Amino acid sequence: MSYTYQGKVYAIKAPVKSISINKLNVVVKDQTGSKLFKFTQLNESKDFLAMLYQA
């Protein structure tokens, strides 16, 4: 499934196995492997996680 956040498209395939968070970095492990998403502000990473949880 693709998610669009602030003009960028993030491809994450269900089911999501785990999510790891370290302030500005979010690692999502899905059926295709791990993907690292880097953000420049803490609010961006929080908003991205909120969007993932709603989906």
C-alpha atoms as a PDB file:
ATOM      1  CA  MET A   1       0.000   0.000   0.000  1.00  0.00           C
ATOM      2  CA  SER A   2       1.290   3.457  -0.800  1.00  0.00           C
ATOM      3  CA  TYR A   3       0.962   6.392   1.549  1.00  0.00           C
ATOM      4  CA  THR A   4       1.406  10.019   0.557  1.00  0.00           C
ATOM      5  CA  TYR A   5       2.791  12.270   3.252  1.00  0.00           C
ATOM      6  CA  GLN A   6       3.754  15.882   2.538  1.00  0.00           C
ATOM      7  CA  GLY A   7       4.063  15.220  -1.182  1.00  0.00           C
ATOM      8  CA  LYS A   8       6.239  12.112  -0.854  1.00  0.00           C
ATOM      9  CA  VAL A   9       5.011   8.600  -1.581  1.00  0.00           C
ATOM     10  CA  TYR A  10       5.927   5.838   0.868  1.00  0.00           C
ATOM     11  CA  ALA A  11       5.343   2.213  -0.170  1.00  0.00           C
ATOM     12  CA  ILE A  12       4.583  -0.148   2.707  1.00  0.00           C
ATOM     13  CA  LYS A  13       3.125  -3.600   2.150  1.00  0.00           C
ATOM     14  CA  ALA A  14       0.731  -5.131   4.654  1.00  0.00           C
ATOM     15  CA  PRO A  15       1.091  -6.727   7.086  1.00  0.00           C
ATOM     16  CA  VAL A  16       3.459  -4.497   9.017  1.00  0.00           C
ATOM     17  CA  LYS A  17       5.546  -6.695  11.312  1.00  0.00           C
ATOM     18  CA  SER A  18       7.157  -3.979  13.420  1.00  0.00           C
ATOM     19  CA  ILE A  19       7.802  -0.256  13.715  1.00  0.00           C
ATOM     20  CA  SER A  20      10.928   1.141  15.398  1.00  0.00           C
ATOM     21  CA  ILE A  21      11.215   4.802  16.314  1.00  0.00           C
ATOM     22  CA  ASN A  22      14.244   6.903  17.250  1.00  0.00           C
ATOM     23  CA  LYS A  23      13.251  10.592  17.317  1.00  0.00           C
ATOM     24  CA  LEU A  24      13.729  11.540  13.655  1.00  0.00           C
ATOM     25  CA  ASN A  25      14.060   8.046  12.177  1.00  0.00           C
ATOM     26  CA  VAL A  26      11.285   5.516  11.660  1.00  0.00           C
ATOM     27  CA  VAL A  27      11.985   1.944  10.522  1.00  0.00           C
ATOM     28  CA  VAL A  28       9.020  -0.047   9.239  1.00  0.00           C
ATOM     29  CA  LYS A  29       9.442  -3.791   8.757  1.00  0.00           C
ATOM     30  CA  ASP A  30       6.907  -5.270   6.358  1.00  0.00           C
ATOM     31  CA  GLN A  31       6.745  -8.405   4.240  1.00  0.00           C
ATOM     32  CA  THR A  32       9.318  -7.032   1.774  1.00  0.00           C
ATOM     33  CA  GLY A  33      11.881  -6.077   4.430  1.00  0.00           C
ATOM     34  CA  SER A  34      12.882  -3.055   6.475  1.00  0.00           C
ATOM     35  CA  LYS A  35      12.536   0.512   5.261  1.00  0.00           C
ATOM     36  CA  LEU A  36      14.134   3.546   6.903  1.00  0.00           C
ATOM     37  CA  PHE A  37      12.297   6.858   6.787  1.00  0.00           C
ATOM     38  CA  LYS A  38      14.289   9.917   7.883  1.00  0.00           C
ATOM     39  CA  PHE A  39      12.659  13.171   8.909  1.00  0.00           C
ATOM     40  CA  THR A  40      14.117  16.578   9.734  1.00  0.00           C
ATOM     41  CA  GLN A  41      11.709  17.526  12.533  1.00  0.00           C
ATOM     42  CA  LEU A  42      10.196  15.573  15.392  1.00  0.00           C
ATOM     43  CA  ASN A  43       6.676  16.689  14.481  1.00  0.00           C
ATOM     44  CA  GLU A  44       7.083  15.185  10.995  1.00  0.00           C
ATOM     45  CA  SER A  45       7.926  11.752  12.370  1.00  0.00           C
ATOM     46  CA  LYS A  46       5.015  11.918  14.833  1.00  0.00           C
ATOM     47  CA  ASP A  47       2.584  12.939  12.088  1.00  0.00           C
ATOM     48  CA  PHE A  48       3.851  10.139   9.839  1.00  0.00           C
ATOM     49  CA  LEU A  49       3.300   7.578  12.605  1.00  0.00           C
ATOM     50  CA  ALA A  50      -0.191   8.909  13.273  1.00  0.00           C
ATOM     51  CA  MET A  51      -0.992   8.506   9.581  1.00  0.00           C
ATOM     52  CA  LEU A  52       0.287   4.895   9.628  1.00  0.00           C
ATOM     53  CA  TYR A  53      -1.740   4.009  12.705  1.00  0.00           C
ATOM     54  CA  GLN A  54      -4.932   5.369  11.130  1.00  0.00           C
ATOM     55  CA  ALA A  55      -4.522   3.283   7.968  1.00  0.00           C
END
